[in-house]
Amino acid sequence: MPDPTTFSTVLASKDAVTGSLGAVAYGLAAIGPGIGIGLIFGLGVQAIARQPEAEQVAFRYMLIGFALAEALALIGFVVPFVFP
């Protein structure tokens, strides 16, 4: 007859692997938007430095790009919880 403590240890380790898999998925999902936000603001500041009279337009597009990239990060955060 198998030892009951061994069976519970196996179940606990299976849950631990599933939980850490969701954390890894979110970590990978956060890399892309993080790089994107850095590029958006870095290139936006460079564009404003090159053409200061277009600051309003460049800043508007920077905010739109930031909102879209942040939305992708939030989707990447929610998906591991919705699809376990």
Protein backbone atom coordinates (compact mmCIF):
# COMPACT_ATOMS: atom_id res chain seq x y z
CA MET A 1 0.00 0.00 0.00
CA PRO A 2 1.46 3.42 -0.98
CA ASP A 3 2.41 5.93 1.64
CA PRO A 4 -0.28 8.71 1.80
CA THR A 5 2.29 11.43 2.50
CA THR A 6 4.03 10.68 -0.80
CA PHE A 7 0.77 11.11 -2.71
CA SER A 8 0.05 14.51 -1.10
CA THR A 9 3.61 15.63 -1.85
CA VAL A 10 3.14 14.78 -5.52
CA LEU A 11 -0.11 16.77 -5.66
CA ALA A 12 1.50 19.75 -3.93
CA SER A 13 4.41 19.75 -6.36
CA LYS A 14 2.04 19.55 -9.34
CA ASP A 15 0.18 22.64 -8.07
CA ALA A 16 3.47 24.42 -7.51
CA VAL A 17 4.57 23.75 -11.09
CA THR A 18 1.26 25.03 -12.47
CA GLY A 19 1.44 28.18 -10.36
CA SER A 20 5.00 28.97 -11.39
CA LEU A 21 4.12 28.36 -15.02
CA GLY A 22 1.63 31.23 -14.85
CA ALA A 23 4.31 33.45 -13.32
CA VAL A 24 6.74 32.56 -16.11
CA ALA A 25 4.06 33.30 -18.70
CA TYR A 26 3.44 36.74 -17.21
CA GLY A 27 7.15 37.43 -17.03
CA LEU A 28 7.54 36.63 -20.71
CA ALA A 29 4.43 38.67 -21.53
CA ALA A 30 5.86 41.71 -19.72
CA ILE A 31 9.13 41.73 -21.67
CA GLY A 32 7.61 42.90 -24.96
CA PRO A 33 5.59 45.83 -23.63
CA GLY A 34 8.53 46.86 -21.44
CA ILE A 35 10.81 47.08 -24.44
CA GLY A 36 8.06 48.78 -26.46
CA ILE A 37 7.45 51.47 -23.86
CA GLY A 38 11.17 52.18 -23.68
CA LEU A 39 11.37 52.54 -27.45
CA ILE A 40 8.24 54.71 -27.61
CA PHE A 41 9.49 57.28 -25.12
CA GLY A 42 13.12 57.12 -26.22
CA LEU A 43 12.32 57.75 -29.85
CA GLY A 44 9.61 60.25 -28.91
CA VAL A 45 12.09 62.38 -26.99
CA GLN A 46 14.50 62.11 -29.90
CA ALA A 47 11.78 63.25 -32.33
CA ILE A 48 10.90 66.23 -30.13
CA ALA A 49 14.59 67.17 -29.88
CA ARG A 50 14.93 67.08 -33.65
CA GLN A 51 11.75 68.99 -34.40
CA PRO A 52 10.55 70.98 -31.37
CA GLU A 53 7.64 72.62 -33.22
CA ALA A 54 5.96 69.21 -33.58
CA GLU A 55 6.01 68.55 -29.84
CA GLN A 56 2.22 68.41 -29.46
CA VAL A 57 1.75 65.85 -32.21
CA ALA A 58 4.71 63.70 -31.13
CA PHE A 59 3.59 63.70 -27.50
CA ARG A 60 0.05 62.70 -28.49
CA TYR A 61 1.34 59.74 -30.48
CA MET A 62 3.67 58.81 -27.62
CA LEU A 63 0.72 58.60 -25.23
CA ILE A 64 -1.35 56.52 -27.66
CA GLY A 65 1.57 54.12 -28.17
CA PHE A 66 2.12 53.90 -24.41
CA ALA A 67 -1.56 53.08 -23.80
CA LEU A 68 -1.52 50.31 -26.42
CA ALA A 69 1.70 48.78 -25.10
CA GLU A 70 0.42 48.92 -21.52
CA ALA A 71 -2.83 47.26 -22.60
CA LEU A 72 -0.79 44.35 -23.96
CA ALA A 73 1.00 44.06 -20.62
CA LEU A 74 -2.32 43.99 -18.76
CA ILE A 75 -3.69 41.33 -21.11
CA GLY A 76 -0.57 39.27 -20.47
CA PHE A 77 -1.18 39.65 -16.74
CA VAL A 78 -4.82 38.52 -16.90
CA VAL A 79 -4.54 35.58 -19.32
CA PRO A 80 -2.73 33.18 -16.92
CA PHE A 81 -5.55 33.70 -14.39
CA VAL A 82 -8.36 33.26 -16.91
CA PHE A 83 -6.94 30.13 -18.55
CA PRO A 84 -5.42 28.06 -15.72
